[in-house]
Amino acid sequence: MNKREECAAQADATGVEMKVFVRALGFLAILAALSVISACDDDDKSNPTGDVLVDGDLQLDDTSELSDLGDTDATTQGDGINDGTTIVEPERVTCPKTLVAPATGLCSYTAGDSMLLIEGQVLAGTTIYENGAVLIDRTSQNAKITCVGCDCDSATGASTASVLSCAKGVISPGLINPHDHITYAVGRPQGHGDERFDHRNDWRRGLRQHTEVGNYPGVDKTREGVLYGELRMLFGGATSVTGAIGTANTSGLLRNLDNGAYTEGLAGIDVKYQTFPLGDVDGTMLAQGCAYPSIDSESELGANIYMPHISEGIDNETHNEFGCTSGGETGSRDLIAENTTIVHGIGLSAADIQLVANRGAKLIWSPRSNVDLYGNTASVTTYKHLGVNIALGTDWSTSGSMNVPRELRCADELNRNYFGNVFTDQDLWLMSTYNSAVAMGAETQIGLLAVGYIADIAIFDGTDRAEYRAIIEASPETVALVMRGGTPLLGDTAIMSGLMGAQASTCETETVCGREKLVCAQADAGITMAAIRGAVNTNSYELYFCDDPLNEPSCVPFRPGDYVGMTSATDQDGDGIDDVDDNCPTIFNPVRVMDGTAQPDTDNDGFGDVCDVCPLNEGGCELPDPTDRDKDTIENFQDNCPNVANTDQADADDDGTGDLCDSCPNYANPGNGACLTTIYDIKQGVTAVGTSVLLQDVVVTGSAAGEGFFVQVHPDDAGYVSAEYSGLYVFARGLTPFPAQGDRLTLQGAVAEWYGQLQLSSSSVTINSSNNALPAPTAAVPANIVAGGNMQAAYEGVLITVSNVTVSAVQPAPGPGETAPTDAFVVNNGLRVDNFFYTVTPMPQLNDTYEAITGVLRWSNDFSKLEPRGPSDMGPPVLLAFDSQGTFLEAGTTGVPTPELQVRMSAAVVSDTVIALTYPTPAVLTGPATVTVLAGQASANLTLTGVAANTTPAVVTATLDGRSEDALVRVYGAAEVRQVVAVTPDPATVRISGTVDLTVELNLPAGANEQVTLVASSAAISVVSPMTVPQGQVTGTFTVTAGAAAVAGETVTASIGASSAFATVDVVETPQTGLIITEVFYNGTGADDGFEWVKLYNGTSAAIDLSGYSIGYAGAGYSVGKYALSGTVAPGGCFVAGGVASDASNGSPVYNLAQDFDPDIQNSGAVADAVGLFHNAASAITDASVPIDAVIYGTTNSGGLVDETGTAGNVDVGNAPATNSIRRLGDGTWEFNPAPTPNLCPPF
């Protein structure tokens, strides 16, 4: 007899039933059981049938109840709730009221007031109320629940309430999807045959001989694209999603939990969604060491929830990611904390999962996507045993589930077929409700039907399946009602018509699998469902299916050569290991790549980690109490600090969060929302980066509409200390309405640092009042506020004035991320005057002086910049230097010299301004005594008289308010000899058989019929000689025509008499004439957003106005990404569009059009993508549009993308590796370019 059998025999002999229900197990129950068991202290913990032993004696069977051990319920009141670990079976309460089903439909509606009583089968935490009710107060935007249970019809407000009675309805919290990539919601499932992957970068980038899994029809970051994904979730009963929405305005429909501006009114929820916490978007994979491109800083933990994708895969490289994000390796960062919610977490060992549990971190499980891509998923049984909160998320439709019920269905199938039913139906339901709320930090507001919670509610048809099964097995037609905060969004027509009343006419009818429903997108989001559908790609994945979704990714674990996911008499769990050799024969645990050659058994007790409730301790362990995580004897549901023991429940600010876990215990911030702080504390580092904060009644000192604004503490404010550290920038791109200068605001957002600037990333703005007085500008010395200056940090963000400054540079070189021209100038050799709010017109000249310049000091692009807000900030208008110092006037004539000579003011004058003129050499040049700059103008032409020719330029002096400026005028005689002084450009480039225009410059304005002789160096190029320079002009143009061969070093010489000048001309090959695409950069080292660019080439002899051109791009069709062009491309010139980021990683482009590609240009894969150039407006691009030029890149053009021929084009080049561009060669072919050349022109 072996030891296991001996122990079992002893138990049988004593008549003790040692089998207990794992999912109902709590530590107290274990202690009770131990009191009746006396032997086998060192025995193994489970048997070959899957029963589990806690200390070598107590055997836990997954199919029996705990009744023999007395009352082992882990709660004391029967309605407690845990964080997704081991939970008790639900308490079922049958209410005395009898509900009668209506003759037709699921529910009957009786109109009343704004209170709403919903009756039916109520899923309230761990309690199920048969014939129960939920009472909702709908007088506020986010309606609150005021009663749950049996007696709600007698609660305050119920007697006059509207009633929705659903005898067969299952009433649940609205489902929460905590993990989606919703900008990919248009994507259809992408099959990959029998191929399975070891790491996400295998399928993302086609690495290690794997096939890249693309996404078709691509990405859609528009508002309509995101709302399309939300509609799909809505048809499945969801009310909230965390979906990486980016910058899209997604107001309406679902709550977006990863953007505080679009949570539809939740307090303090702004999840930091991080897909690449290691910065490994380029495909970096390391089996050891932490030399990843960019591991997130621990400051990210300042968010209310930090949500990184970690360890998505099953190999050593995947496992290494956890070590480098948990502080366990040299060079790692410790990012696992109580407010960390890990996405995927597949490649973790039992020891890793124990660390997650110890830190109080959470898991989001996405089983369908995991199984489809890797043939395996997270060790969720171990996560459960060790007490980790498990939430359920869909990932994306490409490899995951189209909605939450389909993800629940997958989890259910895995649980029943492969995990030995370790999860109850209630467990699974909680994963999509309360556990997901916990994972998003929103568990005090949503995810539960309880008093005080927001009324996010979904009703499911329970006619054929009751309780949790009605949700796990839900289909679109059985979703009877979805309401967010008491606002009906979708449901059966009869229900919606009652709840919406007259407003139901704004909703759209949709027959869903034979059941008529109303969808109220227009009423809630201001856009109809039809408009949303019409705005996305016509090949987008459907919003719902009546049967199993088309081509739905598999939920059957399968890896070729290892296992096929089919259970059998000899392999109960289908993991490819016969039961006799399997250390967990009833729970799926194949050997992963990271495991080496054996199933994991960390404590070497002969029982695999996934079926061992104490996987790290052979001698037993203390199991987590599912209903009291901090072991302070107060159930989680009632505990105001469930993760920190606080038996006194102290809550000084009475906000529902205990002092020990309240980020600001003396300021009421329900739900651990934003803490009241000051600009001083933010700017001086007292309030840490990442903290969610509240600023009250600050004044806007400068506003860049649509981008951001500055706020400051006013000297009259109670909290004013000094001007130093009193100003702050608020990034608020896309905010509506946008604050204006003089507004008083209440702000909520997160403290952030953006390339050295402390700022607030705003999540919500309340405009308290407008047209308020601003703080007086603070006087500053330029040298003190430039980079490195002793007051730069103190005055950054503050309204300041500098006085008596001199312009030392104009149009300075751009800093990192800027483009040329900068439209800025420099004063006093250091301080930049920039154009964030206002571009100074006219632009000053070198040595111009200003009495004063006022503006907000701003740190940006590695420079300290003064940002004037308008003309009045430039001080009183003063006389500026002439902008033309070399003008000409013919003797004996009166007129405006050539080039045009003007007096200029620093700003438009308020009234007519008279400027005195004097002429030191009146025998040569004279004119009027004054010139007037008219009100509202900033310049005026000078009309002068050339008296007599003189080779020495004459001077005209303009004087105003004691300030004088001189201009030089060369008075010449009509008979003077003209000479050629230059030919430009030099060198010049022209395509084969093409033309290019060159310019001849003379020393004096041309006389009548002024001819210039032109000579080409050989027959390789030709010119028409002579050319004529227009009378009175100093320049003229001529055309060079190239021959049929490429040749370098040709010259064109221009001469008049003995004077001559020449330019070098190179004839080069080009693939075609016209405007073409020559280089595309779309695959950087990190996030591509802002780093992508497209280079165009003008192969014609004339400038091209791009206002009638556009770019379309994607894999599904050119309509997915549309990009309007503007600007001009010079003949033979190049034009770079994109950005706006610029650094060495993307070739340091100097943008001609600095405008982000949004959505991003996609990496391709098995399905090719394309970038097309169109001669029409961006809005006119459709998938049927024919480009004038295109580059198709990837493997196969299976999407039928057309090229300039109007037919499906051949693939031009593969998918570029990270940091490579794709570029066109002179013969028209394309190649990868490992050193991108955005600034090289000609491009071939």
Foldseek 3Di string as FASTA:
>chain_A
DDLVVVLVVVCVVVVDDQEAAVLQDALVLVVLSVVPWDDQQQAFAEDLVLWGRFFRRRTYDNPDHSPSSPDSALDDPQQFAFQLFRHRQAAEAEAPDDFDADPDDQKAKDAFDQKEKEFEFEDFHSYTYQRWIWIWRRPDQQIFTADTGRPVCVDPPNVRHMYIYGHQKYKFFQFEFAAAQQQLQQWAAFADPQDADFAPLCQCPVPPVHFHTFTPPFGFLELLSNVLLLLLQVLLRHAEYAHCSDPYDNAFGHQHQQFLQRNSDAFAGHEAEAACQLLFLLSDFDLDDNPGPHHDALLLVQRQAYEYAAQQGFASSRQRRLCQQCVNHVNRHRNQALRYEYEFQAHYDLVSLLVNLVRNYAYEWFQQLSCLHHLDGHLVLSNNLQQHRYAYHQYHNHRGDSYLLVSLLLVVCCCVQAAVVSDDLSSSLLNGAQSSCSNRLNNQATRGSDGGHGRFMWMFRNPPHDDSCSSNVPFSQRGAWTAGSLHTFKHQPSVCCSSCPPNQVQWDWDQDLNTIMTGNRCVTVVDHPVVSCVQDFVSGQDSHDRDPGDPGRDSQRHRPPFFRRDADPQQRNGRNDGSVQALRRRHRFHQTNHNPPDADQQCPSSHHSSSHSCSNDSSRDRTASRQQRQPLPDGPVQQLDRNHRDVVQDQCCPQSHGPVPAPDSNHRRHSSRADEDALQCQLVCVDDASHKHKYFFWFWAADLPQFWTKTFDAPVDPPDDDLFSGMAIEGDHPDPPGDHGFWTKIFIAGFHADPHGTHGDTSDIDGPDGPHDDHDAAEDEVQQQKVVHVRVSRQARGKHKYFWWFWAFAQDDAAFLAFPSQLWTDTPPTEIAGASQHRFPPGADGGWIAGMAIAGFHQDSNITYGYGNDPVRRPAKDKGAWPDAEWEDEAPDKFATPPWTKTFIRAFHQAKDKKAKDWPCVQAKAADGIDIRGGRGGMDTGIIHGHDADQFWTWMWIDDPRDIYIHTYGYHYLPDDKWWDEKDDAAAEAEAQAKAKIKTFIPFFDAPQDWKAKDKPDPQKDWDPIDGHDGRDGMDMTMIGGHRDWDFFIKMWITDPPHIYMHTYTYHFAQDAAKEWFKWDFFFSGDRWQLTKTKIFHNHHAKDFQQQKWKAKGLQARLSWIGGDGDIAGHQGMAMEAGSGADQRNQRANHPHYDHGVPGHDFETLRKMKMAMARHGRVPGDRQDEGCAMAIEARANPSFRHYNVSGRDDHQYYGENHSWMWGADSNGGIDTHNNDDNPDGPPD
